Amino acid sequence: MYYAGEKQGAFDILHELRQHAYVSQYFLLNAALGKFYYLDRDYSLSKKFFTIALKQAQTEAEKKLIERHILEL
């Protein structure tokens, strides 16, 4: 949706998913929000969601990928 031009719809769906306890713990959900906010140039929210994703990441590869995104900010 985001890349098809329906940015707000994409944000709405991702934020709705964050309301579910199980899904909100999945690092890729918060990483996706971080990426979309980065693309929208809202670097404060981007960093917030990448930081949440970093805390949720389980493997070193996941953590390194998210850390690279944070450093880009």
PDB file of N, CA and C in Angstrom:
ATOM      1  N   MET A   1       0.809  -1.187   0.000  1.00  0.00           N
ATOM      2  CA  MET A   1       0.000   0.000   0.000  1.00  0.00           C
ATOM      3  C   MET A   1       0.862   1.264   0.000  1.00  0.00           C
ATOM      4  N   TYR A   2       1.863   1.287   0.848  1.00  0.00           N
ATOM      5  CA  TYR A   2       2.681   2.493   0.973  1.00  0.00           C
ATOM      6  C   TYR A   2       3.287   2.869  -0.363  1.00  0.00           C
ATOM      7  N   TYR A   3       3.894   1.905  -1.020  1.00  0.00           N
ATOM      8  CA  TYR A   3       4.570   2.177  -2.284  1.00  0.00           C
ATOM      9  C   TYR A   3       3.588   2.394  -3.434  1.00  0.00           C
ATOM     10  N   ALA A   4       2.326   2.031  -3.249  1.00  0.00           N
ATOM     11  CA  ALA A   4       1.302   2.242  -4.267  1.00  0.00           C
ATOM     12  C   ALA A   4       0.649   3.616  -4.113  1.00  0.00           C
ATOM     13  N   GLY A   5       1.153   4.413  -3.171  1.00  0.00           N
ATOM     14  CA  GLY A   5       0.639   5.761  -2.988  1.00  0.00           C
ATOM     15  C   GLY A   5      -0.401   5.895  -1.895  1.00  0.00           C
ATOM     16  N   GLU A   6      -0.707   4.815  -1.221  1.00  0.00           N
ATOM     17  CA  GLU A   6      -1.693   4.866  -0.141  1.00  0.00           C
ATOM     18  C   GLU A   6      -0.969   4.863   1.200  1.00  0.00           C
ATOM     19  N   LYS A   7      -0.177   5.891   1.411  1.00  0.00           N
ATOM     20  CA  LYS A   7       0.678   5.962   2.597  1.00  0.00           C
ATOM     21  C   LYS A   7      -0.125   5.917   3.889  1.00  0.00           C
ATOM     22  N   GLN A   8      -1.150   6.746   3.976  1.00  0.00           N
ATOM     23  CA  GLN A   8      -1.908   6.798   5.230  1.00  0.00           C
ATOM     24  C   GLN A   8      -2.563   5.458   5.534  1.00  0.00           C
ATOM     25  N   GLY A   9      -3.070   4.788   4.505  1.00  0.00           N
ATOM     26  CA  GLY A   9      -3.660   3.472   4.714  1.00  0.00           C
ATOM     27  C   GLY A   9      -2.649   2.475   5.253  1.00  0.00           C
ATOM     28  N   ALA A  10      -1.432   2.540   4.737  1.00  0.00           N
ATOM     29  CA  ALA A  10      -0.370   1.655   5.223  1.00  0.00           C
ATOM     30  C   ALA A  10      -0.047   1.948   6.686  1.00  0.00           C
ATOM     31  N   PHE A  11       0.092   3.227   7.016  1.00  0.00           N
ATOM     32  CA  PHE A  11       0.360   3.595   8.417  1.00  0.00           C
ATOM     33  C   PHE A  11      -0.780   3.138   9.324  1.00  0.00           C
ATOM     34  N   ASP A  12      -2.012   3.328   8.875  1.00  0.00           N
ATOM     35  CA  ASP A  12      -3.173   2.924   9.685  1.00  0.00           C
ATOM     36  C   ASP A  12      -3.144   1.431   9.979  1.00  0.00           C
ATOM     37  N   ILE A  13      -2.868   0.626   8.963  1.00  0.00           N
ATOM     38  CA  ILE A  13      -2.832  -0.827   9.152  1.00  0.00           C
ATOM     39  C   ILE A  13      -1.707  -1.224  10.108  1.00  0.00           C
ATOM     40  N   LEU A  14      -0.520  -0.659   9.913  1.00  0.00           N
ATOM     41  CA  LEU A  14       0.609  -1.026  10.783  1.00  0.00           C
ATOM     42  C   LEU A  14       0.357  -0.607  12.224  1.00  0.00           C
ATOM     43  N   HIS A  15      -0.218   0.574  12.422  1.00  0.00           N
ATOM     44  CA  HIS A  15      -0.508   1.005  13.795  1.00  0.00           C
ATOM     45  C   HIS A  15      -1.631   0.180  14.415  1.00  0.00           C
ATOM     46  N   GLU A  16      -2.569  -0.254  13.598  1.00  0.00           N
ATOM     47  CA  GLU A  16      -3.619  -1.136  14.104  1.00  0.00           C
ATOM     48  C   GLU A  16      -3.020  -2.470  14.544  1.00  0.00           C
ATOM     49  N   LEU A  17      -2.082  -2.990  13.762  1.00  0.00           N
ATOM     50  CA  LEU A  17      -1.414  -4.241  14.135  1.00  0.00           C
ATOM     51  C   LEU A  17      -0.650  -4.108  15.445  1.00  0.00           C
ATOM     52  N   ARG A  18      -0.127  -2.918  15.723  1.00  0.00           N
ATOM     53  CA  ARG A  18       0.611  -2.703  16.969  1.00  0.00           C
ATOM     54  C   ARG A  18      -0.288  -2.837  18.196  1.00  0.00           C
ATOM     55  N   GLN A  19      -1.592  -2.779  18.006  1.00  0.00           N
ATOM     56  CA  GLN A  19      -2.536  -2.906  19.119  1.00  0.00           C
ATOM     57  C   GLN A  19      -2.702  -4.352  19.584  1.00  0.00           C
ATOM     58  N   HIS A  20      -2.221  -5.290  18.774  1.00  0.00           N
ATOM     59  CA  HIS A  20      -2.324  -6.705  19.125  1.00  0.00           C
ATOM     60  C   HIS A  20      -1.047  -7.137  19.838  1.00  0.00           C
ATOM     61  N   ALA A  21      -1.201  -7.682  21.009  1.00  0.00           N
ATOM     62  CA  ALA A  21      -0.059  -8.004  21.875  1.00  0.00           C
ATOM     63  C   ALA A  21       0.984  -8.882  21.183  1.00  0.00           C
ATOM     64  N   TYR A  22       0.561  -9.913  20.508  1.00  0.00           N
ATOM     65  CA  TYR A  22       1.517 -10.835  19.891  1.00  0.00           C
ATOM     66  C   TYR A  22       2.252 -10.169  18.734  1.00  0.00           C
ATOM     67  N   VAL A  23       1.518  -9.541  17.852  1.00  0.00           N
ATOM     68  CA  VAL A  23       2.107  -8.958  16.651  1.00  0.00           C
ATOM     69  C   VAL A  23       2.998  -7.766  16.995  1.00  0.00           C
ATOM     70  N   SER A  24       2.645  -7.028  18.006  1.00  0.00           N
ATOM     71  CA  SER A  24       3.424  -5.835  18.364  1.00  0.00           C
ATOM     72  C   SER A  24       4.831  -6.188  18.832  1.00  0.00           C
ATOM     73  N   GLN A  25       5.060  -7.444  19.189  1.00  0.00           N
ATOM     74  CA  GLN A  25       6.373  -7.886  19.644  1.00  0.00           C
ATOM     75  C   GLN A  25       7.279  -8.322  18.495  1.00  0.00           C
ATOM     76  N   TYR A  26       6.762  -8.307  17.280  1.00  0.00           N
ATOM     77  CA  TYR A  26       7.512  -8.744  16.104  1.00  0.00           C
ATOM     78  C   TYR A  26       8.332  -7.571  15.578  1.00  0.00           C
ATOM     79  N   PHE A  27       9.637  -7.725  15.545  1.00  0.00           N
ATOM     80  CA  PHE A  27      10.507  -6.605  15.229  1.00  0.00           C
ATOM     81  C   PHE A  27      10.274  -6.025  13.836  1.00  0.00           C
ATOM     82  N   LEU A  28       9.861  -6.862  12.895  1.00  0.00           N
ATOM     83  CA  LEU A  28       9.667  -6.365  11.528  1.00  0.00           C
ATOM     84  C   LEU A  28       8.509  -5.379  11.424  1.00  0.00           C
ATOM     85  N   LEU A  29       7.534  -5.480  12.284  1.00  0.00           N
ATOM     86  CA  LEU A  29       6.436  -4.517  12.284  1.00  0.00           C
ATOM     87  C   LEU A  29       6.972  -3.125  12.620  1.00  0.00           C
ATOM     88  N   ASN A  30       7.740  -3.042  13.677  1.00  0.00           N
ATOM     89  CA  ASN A  30       8.291  -1.751  14.083  1.00  0.00           C
ATOM     90  C   ASN A  30       9.384  -1.276  13.127  1.00  0.00           C
ATOM     91  N   ALA A  31      10.118  -2.200  12.536  1.00  0.00           N
ATOM     92  CA  ALA A  31      11.119  -1.821  11.536  1.00  0.00           C
ATOM     93  C   ALA A  31      10.434  -1.247  10.296  1.00  0.00           C
ATOM     94  N   ALA A  32       9.298  -1.825   9.907  1.00  0.00           N
ATOM     95  CA  ALA A  32       8.557  -1.300   8.763  1.00  0.00           C
ATOM     96  C   ALA A  32       8.073   0.118   9.051  1.00  0.00           C
ATOM     97  N   LEU A  33       7.566   0.348  10.248  1.00  0.00           N
ATOM     98  CA  LEU A  33       7.152   1.701  10.616  1.00  0.00           C
ATOM     99  C   LEU A  33       8.342   2.650  10.592  1.00  0.00           C
ATOM    100  N   GLY A  34       9.474   2.195  11.107  1.00  0.00           N
ATOM    101  CA  GLY A  34      10.677   3.017  11.079  1.00  0.00           C
ATOM    102  C   GLY A  34      11.068   3.378   9.660  1.00  0.00           C
ATOM    103  N   LYS A  35      11.001   2.416   8.758  1.00  0.00           N
ATOM    104  CA  LYS A  35      11.356   2.649   7.361  1.00  0.00           C
ATOM    105  C   LYS A  35      10.380   3.615   6.690  1.00  0.00           C
ATOM    106  N   PHE A  36       9.096   3.412   6.913  1.00  0.00           N
ATOM    107  CA  PHE A  36       8.102   4.282   6.279  1.00  0.00           C
ATOM    108  C   PHE A  36       8.189   5.713   6.810  1.00  0.00           C
ATOM    109  N   TYR A  37       8.411   5.861   8.111  1.00  0.00           N
ATOM    110  CA  TYR A  37       8.576   7.216   8.647  1.00  0.00           C
ATOM    111  C   TYR A  37       9.865   7.850   8.115  1.00  0.00           C
ATOM    112  N   TYR A  38      10.885   7.051   7.911  1.00  0.00           N
ATOM    113  CA  TYR A  38      12.124   7.557   7.310  1.00  0.00           C
ATOM    114  C   TYR A  38      11.853   8.069   5.895  1.00  0.00           C
ATOM    115  N   LEU A  39      11.118   7.297   5.119  1.00  0.00           N
ATOM    116  CA  LEU A  39      10.787   7.706   3.754  1.00  0.00           C
ATOM    117  C   LEU A  39       9.936   8.973   3.736  1.00  0.00           C
ATOM    118  N   ASP A  40       9.139   9.162   4.789  1.00  0.00           N
ATOM    119  CA  ASP A  40       8.321  10.370   4.914  1.00  0.00           C
ATOM    120  C   ASP A  40       9.094  11.526   5.558  1.00  0.00           C
ATOM    121  N   ARG A  41      10.361  11.291   5.854  1.00  0.00           N
ATOM    122  CA  ARG A  41      11.257  12.284   6.456  1.00  0.00           C
ATOM    123  C   ARG A  41      10.839  12.719   7.856  1.00  0.00           C
ATOM    124  N   ASP A  42      10.167  11.814   8.557  1.00  0.00           N
ATOM    125  CA  ASP A  42       9.858  12.053   9.965  1.00  0.00           C
ATOM    126  C   ASP A  42      10.883  11.240  10.756  1.00  0.00           C
ATOM    127  N   TYR A  43      12.071  11.819  10.890  1.00  0.00           N
ATOM    128  CA  TYR A  43      13.202  11.089  11.448  1.00  0.00           C
ATOM    129  C   TYR A  43      13.051  10.793  12.935  1.00  0.00           C
ATOM    130  N   SER A  44      12.308  11.620  13.632  1.00  0.00           N
ATOM    131  CA  SER A  44      12.082  11.372  15.051  1.00  0.00           C
ATOM    132  C   SER A  44      11.274  10.084  15.249  1.00  0.00           C
ATOM    133  N   LEU A  45      10.161   9.967  14.532  1.00  0.00           N
ATOM    134  CA  LEU A  45       9.360   8.741  14.647  1.00  0.00           C
ATOM    135  C   LEU A  45      10.080   7.551  14.042  1.00  0.00           C
ATOM    136  N   SER A  46      10.842   7.786  12.998  1.00  0.00           N
ATOM    137  CA  SER A  46      11.617   6.706  12.405  1.00  0.00           C
ATOM    138  C   SER A  46      12.567   6.115  13.445  1.00  0.00           C
ATOM    139  N   LYS A  47      13.286   6.964  14.124  1.00  0.00           N
ATOM    140  CA  LYS A  47      14.232   6.494  15.145  1.00  0.00           C
ATOM    141  C   LYS A  47      13.505   5.775  16.274  1.00  0.00           C
ATOM    142  N   LYS A  48      12.352   6.304  16.661  1.00  0.00           N
ATOM    143  CA  LYS A  48      11.570   5.677  17.734  1.00  0.00           C
ATOM    144  C   LYS A  48      11.243   4.225  17.374  1.00  0.00           C
ATOM    145  N   PHE A  49      10.738   4.002  16.161  1.00  0.00           N
ATOM    146  CA  PHE A  49      10.317   2.654  15.794  1.00  0.00           C
ATOM    147  C   PHE A  49      11.500   1.741  15.483  1.00  0.00           C
ATOM    148  N   PHE A  50      12.563   2.286  14.920  1.00  0.00           N
ATOM    149  CA  PHE A  50      13.761   1.462  14.725  1.00  0.00           C
ATOM    150  C   PHE A  50      14.359   1.056  16.075  1.00  0.00           C
ATOM    151  N   THR A  51      14.307   1.935  17.057  1.00  0.00           N
ATOM    152  CA  THR A  51      14.835   1.619  18.388  1.00  0.00           C
ATOM    153  C   THR A  51      14.007   0.517  19.040  1.00  0.00           C
ATOM    154  N   ILE A  52      12.693   0.584  18.891  1.00  0.00           N
ATOM    155  CA  ILE A  52      11.828  -0.481  19.407  1.00  0.00           C
ATOM    156  C   ILE A  52      12.169  -1.800  18.710  1.00  0.00           C
ATOM    157  N   ALA A  53      12.317  -1.740  17.389  1.00  0.00           N
ATOM    158  CA  ALA A  53      12.649  -2.945  16.620  1.00  0.00           C
ATOM    159  C   ALA A  53      13.986  -3.529  17.053  1.00  0.00           C
ATOM    160  N   LEU A  54      14.946  -2.660  17.334  1.00  0.00           N
ATOM    161  CA  LEU A  54      16.263  -3.125  17.772  1.00  0.00           C
ATOM    162  C   LEU A  54      16.154  -3.889  19.085  1.00  0.00           C
ATOM    163  N   LYS A  55      15.340  -3.420  19.995  1.00  0.00           N
ATOM    164  CA  LYS A  55      15.148  -4.114  21.276  1.00  0.00           C
ATOM    165  C   LYS A  55      14.450  -5.461  21.092  1.00  0.00           C
ATOM    166  N   GLN A  56      13.640  -5.570  20.041  1.00  0.00           N
ATOM    167  CA  GLN A  56      12.892  -6.801  19.795  1.00  0.00           C
ATOM    168  C   GLN A  56      13.669  -7.811  18.950  1.00  0.00           C
ATOM    169  N   ALA A  57      14.655  -7.348  18.231  1.00  0.00           N
ATOM    170  CA  ALA A  57      15.421  -8.227  17.345  1.00  0.00           C
ATOM    171  C   ALA A  57      16.106  -9.323  18.155  1.00  0.00           C
ATOM    172  N   GLN A  58      16.177 -10.500  17.567  1.00  0.00           N
ATOM    173  CA  GLN A  58      16.720 -11.636  18.298  1.00  0.00           C
ATOM    174  C   GLN A  58      18.100 -12.072  17.828  1.00  0.00           C
ATOM    175  N   THR A  59      18.387 -11.904  16.563  1.00  0.00           N
ATOM    176  CA  THR A  59      19.674 -12.367  16.057  1.00  0.00           C
ATOM    177  C   THR A  59      20.611 -11.180  15.833  1.00  0.00           C
ATOM    178  N   GLU A  60      21.882 -11.476  15.768  1.00  0.00           N
ATOM    179  CA  GLU A  60      22.869 -10.426  15.521  1.00  0.00           C
ATOM    180  C   GLU A  60      22.666  -9.798  14.145  1.00  0.00           C
ATOM    181  N   ALA A  61      22.300 -10.597  13.167  1.00  0.00           N
ATOM    182  CA  ALA A  61      22.069 -10.068  11.818  1.00  0.00           C
ATOM    183  C   ALA A  61      20.913  -9.073  11.818  1.00  0.00           C
ATOM    184  N   GLU A  62      19.843  -9.412  12.525  1.00  0.00           N
ATOM    185  CA  GLU A  62      18.704  -8.488  12.627  1.00  0.00           C
ATOM    186  C   GLU A  62      19.128  -7.193  13.304  1.00  0.00           C
ATOM    187  N   LYS A  63      19.866  -7.332  14.385  1.00  0.00           N
ATOM    188  CA  LYS A  63      20.303  -6.147  15.131  1.00  0.00           C
ATOM    189  C   LYS A  63      21.216  -5.259  14.292  1.00  0.00           C
ATOM    190  N   LYS A  64      22.130  -5.867  13.564  1.00  0.00           N
ATOM    191  CA  LYS A  64      23.050  -5.081  12.726  1.00  0.00           C
ATOM    192  C   LYS A  64      22.303  -4.335  11.631  1.00  0.00           C
ATOM    193  N   LEU A  65      21.325  -4.985  11.026  1.00  0.00           N
ATOM    194  CA  LEU A  65      20.542  -4.339   9.982  1.00  0.00           C
ATOM    195  C   LEU A  65      19.809  -3.113  10.536  1.00  0.00           C
ATOM    196  N   ILE A  66      19.184  -3.261  11.670  1.00  0.00           N
ATOM    197  CA  ILE A  66      18.452  -2.146  12.270  1.00  0.00           C
ATOM    198  C   ILE A  66      19.399  -1.061  12.729  1.00  0.00           C
ATOM    199  N   GLU A  67      20.535  -1.439  13.284  1.00  0.00           N
ATOM    200  CA  GLU A  67      21.532  -0.438  13.698  1.00  0.00           C
ATOM    201  C   GLU A  67      21.994   0.396  12.518  1.00  0.00           C
ATOM    202  N   ARG A  68      22.147  -0.220  11.356  1.00  0.00           N
ATOM    203  CA  ARG A  68      22.542   0.530  10.152  1.00  0.00           C
ATOM    204  C   ARG A  68      21.486   1.562   9.790  1.00  0.00           C
ATOM    205  N   HIS A  69      20.227   1.174   9.923  1.00  0.00           N
ATOM    206  CA  HIS A  69      19.157   2.129   9.630  1.00  0.00           C
ATOM    207  C   HIS A  69      19.189   3.302  10.617  1.00  0.00           C
ATOM    208  N   ILE A  70      19.421   3.011  11.875  1.00  0.00           N
ATOM    209  CA  ILE A  70      19.495   4.075  12.880  1.00  0.00           C
ATOM    210  C   ILE A  70      20.655   5.007  12.598  1.00  0.00           C
ATOM    211  N   LEU A  71      21.777   4.455  12.196  1.00  0.00           N
ATOM    212  CA  LEU A  71      22.941   5.297  11.883  1.00  0.00           C
ATOM    213  C   LEU A  71      22.678   6.210  10.683  1.00  0.00           C
ATOM    214  N   GLU A  72      21.834   5.800   9.762  1.00  0.00           N
ATOM    215  CA  GLU A  72      21.487   6.637   8.611  1.00  0.00           C
ATOM    216  C   GLU A  72      20.727   7.887   9.029  1.00  0.00           C
ATOM    217  N   LEU A  73      20.096   7.814  10.181  1.00  0.00           N
ATOM    218  CA  LEU A  73      19.312   8.961  10.647  1.00  0.00           C
ATOM    219  C   LEU A  73      20.253  10.042  11.128  1.00  0.00           C
TER     220      LEU A  73
END
